[in-house]
């Protein structure tokens, strides 16, 4: 979809930064099964993550990346969870 649209360098950099943050926070190791509350748990998590990341500026991505780049996976996911919770309460 984005491949064929002409974009400027700033826009490309923003999309790349948002993609890096999304990939860092995407939970990969945990197997999730559908339930009555969550019929599609992985898809719902991915949608929330995309909605969160799309609101980030390049500077926001840079700040988050600097905070989590040297942390282990559990600490990264903890920060992501806190970020989502803060986003949903605002």
N, C-alpha and C. Protein backbone atom coordinates (compact mmCIF):
# COMPACT_ATOMS: atom_id res chain seq x y z
N UNK A 1 0.82 -1.19 0.00
CA UNK A 1 0.00 0.00 0.00
C UNK A 1 0.87 1.26 0.00
N UNK A 2 1.85 1.33 0.89
CA UNK A 2 2.69 2.52 0.98
C UNK A 2 3.79 2.54 -0.07
N UNK A 3 4.08 1.40 -0.65
CA UNK A 3 5.21 1.30 -1.56
C UNK A 3 5.05 2.23 -2.76
N UNK A 4 3.86 2.36 -3.27
CA UNK A 4 3.64 3.10 -4.50
C UNK A 4 3.34 4.58 -4.28
N UNK A 5 3.11 4.99 -3.05
CA UNK A 5 2.84 6.40 -2.79
C UNK A 5 4.16 7.16 -2.69
N UNK A 6 4.17 8.32 -3.27
CA UNK A 6 5.36 9.17 -3.18
C UNK A 6 5.36 9.85 -1.81
N UNK A 7 6.46 9.73 -1.09
CA UNK A 7 6.57 10.30 0.24
C UNK A 7 7.86 11.12 0.32
N UNK A 8 7.87 12.05 1.26
CA UNK A 8 9.10 12.80 1.47
C UNK A 8 9.97 12.10 2.51
N UNK A 9 11.20 12.52 2.61
CA UNK A 9 12.17 11.87 3.51
C UNK A 9 11.71 11.90 4.96
N UNK A 10 11.14 13.02 5.40
CA UNK A 10 10.67 13.14 6.78
C UNK A 10 9.56 12.12 7.08
N UNK A 11 8.65 11.97 6.15
CA UNK A 11 7.55 11.03 6.32
C UNK A 11 8.06 9.59 6.33
N UNK A 12 9.02 9.30 5.46
CA UNK A 12 9.61 7.96 5.44
C UNK A 12 10.32 7.65 6.74
N UNK A 13 11.07 8.63 7.27
CA UNK A 13 11.77 8.44 8.54
C UNK A 13 10.79 8.20 9.68
N UNK A 14 9.67 8.93 9.69
CA UNK A 14 8.66 8.74 10.73
C UNK A 14 8.07 7.34 10.66
N UNK A 15 7.70 6.89 9.46
CA UNK A 15 7.13 5.54 9.31
C UNK A 15 8.12 4.46 9.74
N UNK A 16 9.39 4.66 9.42
CA UNK A 16 10.43 3.70 9.82
C UNK A 16 10.58 3.67 11.34
N UNK A 17 10.61 4.84 11.97
CA UNK A 17 10.74 4.92 13.43
C UNK A 17 9.53 4.28 14.12
N UNK A 18 8.33 4.56 13.62
CA UNK A 18 7.13 3.96 14.19
C UNK A 18 7.14 2.44 14.04
N UNK A 19 7.63 1.98 12.91
CA UNK A 19 7.71 0.54 12.66
C UNK A 19 8.67 -0.13 13.63
N UNK A 20 9.80 0.50 13.90
CA UNK A 20 10.77 -0.06 14.85
C UNK A 20 10.15 -0.18 16.24
N UNK A 21 9.44 0.85 16.68
CA UNK A 21 8.80 0.80 18.00
C UNK A 21 7.75 -0.28 18.04
N UNK A 22 6.95 -0.38 16.98
CA UNK A 22 5.90 -1.41 16.94
C UNK A 22 6.51 -2.80 17.03
N UNK A 23 7.55 -3.04 16.28
CA UNK A 23 8.20 -4.36 16.29
C UNK A 23 8.82 -4.66 17.65
N UNK A 24 9.42 -3.64 18.28
CA UNK A 24 10.03 -3.86 19.60
C UNK A 24 9.00 -4.27 20.64
N UNK A 25 7.81 -3.68 20.55
CA UNK A 25 6.79 -3.92 21.57
C UNK A 25 5.84 -5.07 21.25
N UNK A 26 5.92 -5.60 20.05
CA UNK A 26 5.04 -6.69 19.67
C UNK A 26 5.41 -7.95 20.44
N UNK A 27 4.46 -8.50 21.13
CA UNK A 27 4.72 -9.69 21.94
C UNK A 27 4.71 -10.91 21.03
N UNK A 28 5.83 -11.61 20.98
CA UNK A 28 5.97 -12.72 20.05
C UNK A 28 6.00 -14.08 20.74
N UNK A 29 6.51 -14.12 21.92
CA UNK A 29 6.78 -15.40 22.54
C UNK A 29 5.56 -16.04 23.22
N UNK A 30 4.62 -15.24 23.59
CA UNK A 30 3.50 -15.73 24.37
C UNK A 30 2.39 -16.23 23.45
N UNK A 31 2.03 -17.50 23.62
CA UNK A 31 0.94 -18.05 22.83
C UNK A 31 -0.38 -17.66 23.50
N UNK A 32 -1.27 -17.12 22.71
CA UNK A 32 -2.56 -16.68 23.24
C UNK A 32 -3.68 -17.42 22.52
N UNK A 33 -4.69 -17.74 23.28
CA UNK A 33 -5.82 -18.47 22.71
C UNK A 33 -7.08 -17.62 22.81
N UNK A 34 -7.99 -17.80 21.86
CA UNK A 34 -9.25 -17.05 21.91
C UNK A 34 -10.04 -17.38 23.18
N UNK A 35 -10.78 -16.39 23.64
CA UNK A 35 -11.66 -16.58 24.79
C UNK A 35 -12.96 -15.83 24.51
N UNK A 36 -13.88 -15.91 25.44
CA UNK A 36 -15.13 -15.16 25.25
C UNK A 36 -14.87 -13.66 25.20
N UNK A 37 -13.91 -13.20 26.00
CA UNK A 37 -13.60 -11.77 26.05
C UNK A 37 -12.74 -11.33 24.87
N UNK A 38 -11.78 -12.15 24.49
CA UNK A 38 -10.88 -11.83 23.39
C UNK A 38 -10.96 -12.93 22.32
N UNK A 39 -11.69 -12.66 21.28
CA UNK A 39 -11.84 -13.68 20.23
C UNK A 39 -10.59 -13.80 19.37
N UNK A 40 -9.90 -12.70 19.17
CA UNK A 40 -8.70 -12.69 18.35
C UNK A 40 -7.59 -11.95 19.10
N UNK A 41 -7.01 -12.57 20.13
CA UNK A 41 -6.09 -11.86 21.02
C UNK A 41 -4.88 -11.23 20.33
N UNK A 42 -4.25 -11.93 19.40
CA UNK A 42 -3.07 -11.35 18.75
C UNK A 42 -3.47 -10.18 17.86
N UNK A 43 -4.56 -10.32 17.14
CA UNK A 43 -5.01 -9.24 16.26
C UNK A 43 -5.41 -8.01 17.07
N UNK A 44 -6.11 -8.21 18.17
CA UNK A 44 -6.52 -7.08 19.01
C UNK A 44 -5.32 -6.37 19.61
N UNK A 45 -4.32 -7.13 20.01
CA UNK A 45 -3.09 -6.53 20.54
C UNK A 45 -2.38 -5.73 19.45
N UNK A 46 -2.31 -6.28 18.27
CA UNK A 46 -1.64 -5.60 17.15
C UNK A 46 -2.36 -4.30 16.79
N UNK A 47 -3.68 -4.31 16.79
CA UNK A 47 -4.45 -3.11 16.48
C UNK A 47 -4.19 -2.02 17.51
N UNK A 48 -4.21 -2.38 18.79
CA UNK A 48 -3.93 -1.40 19.85
C UNK A 48 -2.53 -0.82 19.69
N UNK A 49 -1.58 -1.68 19.37
CA UNK A 49 -0.20 -1.24 19.20
C UNK A 49 -0.07 -0.29 18.01
N UNK A 50 -0.72 -0.62 16.91
CA UNK A 50 -0.68 0.25 15.73
C UNK A 50 -1.31 1.60 16.03
N UNK A 51 -2.45 1.60 16.71
CA UNK A 51 -3.11 2.86 17.07
C UNK A 51 -2.21 3.71 17.95
N UNK A 52 -1.51 3.09 18.89
CA UNK A 52 -0.60 3.80 19.78
C UNK A 52 0.57 4.39 19.00
N UNK A 53 1.20 3.57 18.16
CA UNK A 53 2.40 3.97 17.44
C UNK A 53 2.10 5.07 16.43
N UNK A 54 0.95 5.04 15.81
CA UNK A 54 0.60 6.06 14.81
C UNK A 54 0.53 7.46 15.40
N UNK A 55 0.33 7.56 16.69
CA UNK A 55 0.24 8.87 17.35
C UNK A 55 1.61 9.44 17.70
N UNK A 56 2.65 8.61 17.57
CA UNK A 56 3.98 9.03 17.97
C UNK A 56 4.65 9.88 16.90
N UNK A 57 5.34 10.92 17.35
CA UNK A 57 6.18 11.71 16.45
C UNK A 57 7.53 11.01 16.34
N UNK A 58 8.36 11.51 15.46
CA UNK A 58 9.71 10.96 15.32
C UNK A 58 10.47 11.11 16.63
N UNK A 59 10.34 12.28 17.27
CA UNK A 59 11.02 12.51 18.56
C UNK A 59 10.50 11.56 19.64
N UNK A 60 9.18 11.29 19.64
CA UNK A 60 8.61 10.34 20.60
C UNK A 60 9.24 8.96 20.41
N UNK A 61 9.34 8.53 19.15
CA UNK A 61 9.93 7.23 18.84
C UNK A 61 11.38 7.17 19.29
N UNK A 62 12.10 8.26 19.03
CA UNK A 62 13.50 8.33 19.42
C UNK A 62 13.64 8.22 20.95
N UNK A 63 12.79 8.91 21.67
CA UNK A 63 12.82 8.89 23.14
C UNK A 63 12.50 7.48 23.67
N UNK A 64 11.47 6.86 23.13
CA UNK A 64 11.10 5.51 23.56
C UNK A 64 12.22 4.53 23.24
N UNK A 65 12.76 4.63 22.04
CA UNK A 65 13.84 3.72 21.63
C UNK A 65 15.03 3.84 22.58
N UNK A 66 15.41 5.07 22.90
CA UNK A 66 16.53 5.29 23.82
C UNK A 66 16.25 4.71 25.21
N UNK A 67 14.99 4.72 25.62
CA UNK A 67 14.63 4.19 26.94
C UNK A 67 14.70 2.67 26.98
N UNK A 68 14.37 2.01 25.88
CA UNK A 68 14.20 0.55 25.93
C UNK A 68 15.25 -0.26 25.19
N UNK A 69 16.11 0.37 24.42
CA UNK A 69 17.02 -0.38 23.54
C UNK A 69 17.95 -1.34 24.28
N UNK A 70 18.35 -1.00 25.49
CA UNK A 70 19.28 -1.86 26.24
C UNK A 70 18.60 -2.71 27.30
N UNK A 71 17.27 -2.72 27.30
CA UNK A 71 16.53 -3.50 28.28
C UNK A 71 16.23 -4.89 27.74
N UNK A 72 16.01 -5.83 28.66
CA UNK A 72 15.61 -7.15 28.20
C UNK A 72 14.14 -7.12 27.76
N UNK A 73 13.70 -8.17 27.16
CA UNK A 73 12.36 -8.24 26.56
C UNK A 73 11.25 -7.97 27.57
N UNK A 74 11.34 -8.53 28.75
CA UNK A 74 10.31 -8.34 29.78
C UNK A 74 10.19 -6.87 30.18
N UNK A 75 11.32 -6.21 30.35
CA UNK A 75 11.31 -4.79 30.71
C UNK A 75 10.74 -3.94 29.59
N UNK A 76 11.06 -4.29 28.35
CA UNK A 76 10.50 -3.56 27.20
C UNK A 76 8.98 -3.68 27.18
N UNK A 77 8.48 -4.89 27.38
CA UNK A 77 7.03 -5.11 27.36
C UNK A 77 6.34 -4.42 28.52
N UNK A 78 7.01 -4.33 29.66
CA UNK A 78 6.46 -3.62 30.81
C UNK A 78 6.30 -2.14 30.49
N UNK A 79 7.31 -1.56 29.86
CA UNK A 79 7.23 -0.15 29.47
C UNK A 79 6.12 0.05 28.43
N UNK A 80 6.02 -0.88 27.50
CA UNK A 80 4.97 -0.79 26.48
C UNK A 80 3.60 -0.83 27.13
N UNK A 81 3.42 -1.74 28.07
CA UNK A 81 2.12 -1.87 28.75
C UNK A 81 1.79 -0.58 29.50
N UNK A 82 2.76 -0.02 30.19
CA UNK A 82 2.54 1.25 30.90
C UNK A 82 2.22 2.38 29.93
N UNK A 83 2.86 2.41 28.80
CA UNK A 83 2.60 3.44 27.79
C UNK A 83 1.19 3.32 27.27
N UNK A 84 0.73 2.09 27.01
CA UNK A 84 -0.63 1.88 26.52
C UNK A 84 -1.65 2.32 27.57
N UNK A 85 -1.40 1.95 28.82
CA UNK A 85 -2.32 2.31 29.90
C UNK A 85 -2.40 3.83 30.05
N UNK A 86 -1.26 4.50 29.99
CA UNK A 86 -1.25 5.96 30.09
C UNK A 86 -1.98 6.59 28.92
N UNK A 87 -1.81 6.02 27.75
CA UNK A 87 -2.47 6.52 26.54
C UNK A 87 -3.99 6.38 26.65
N UNK A 88 -4.44 5.26 27.20
CA UNK A 88 -5.88 5.00 27.31
C UNK A 88 -6.55 5.79 28.41
N UNK A 89 -5.78 6.28 29.39
CA UNK A 89 -6.38 7.09 30.46
C UNK A 89 -6.40 8.56 30.11
N UNK A 90 -5.68 8.98 29.06
CA UNK A 90 -5.65 10.39 28.65
C UNK A 90 -6.74 10.70 27.67
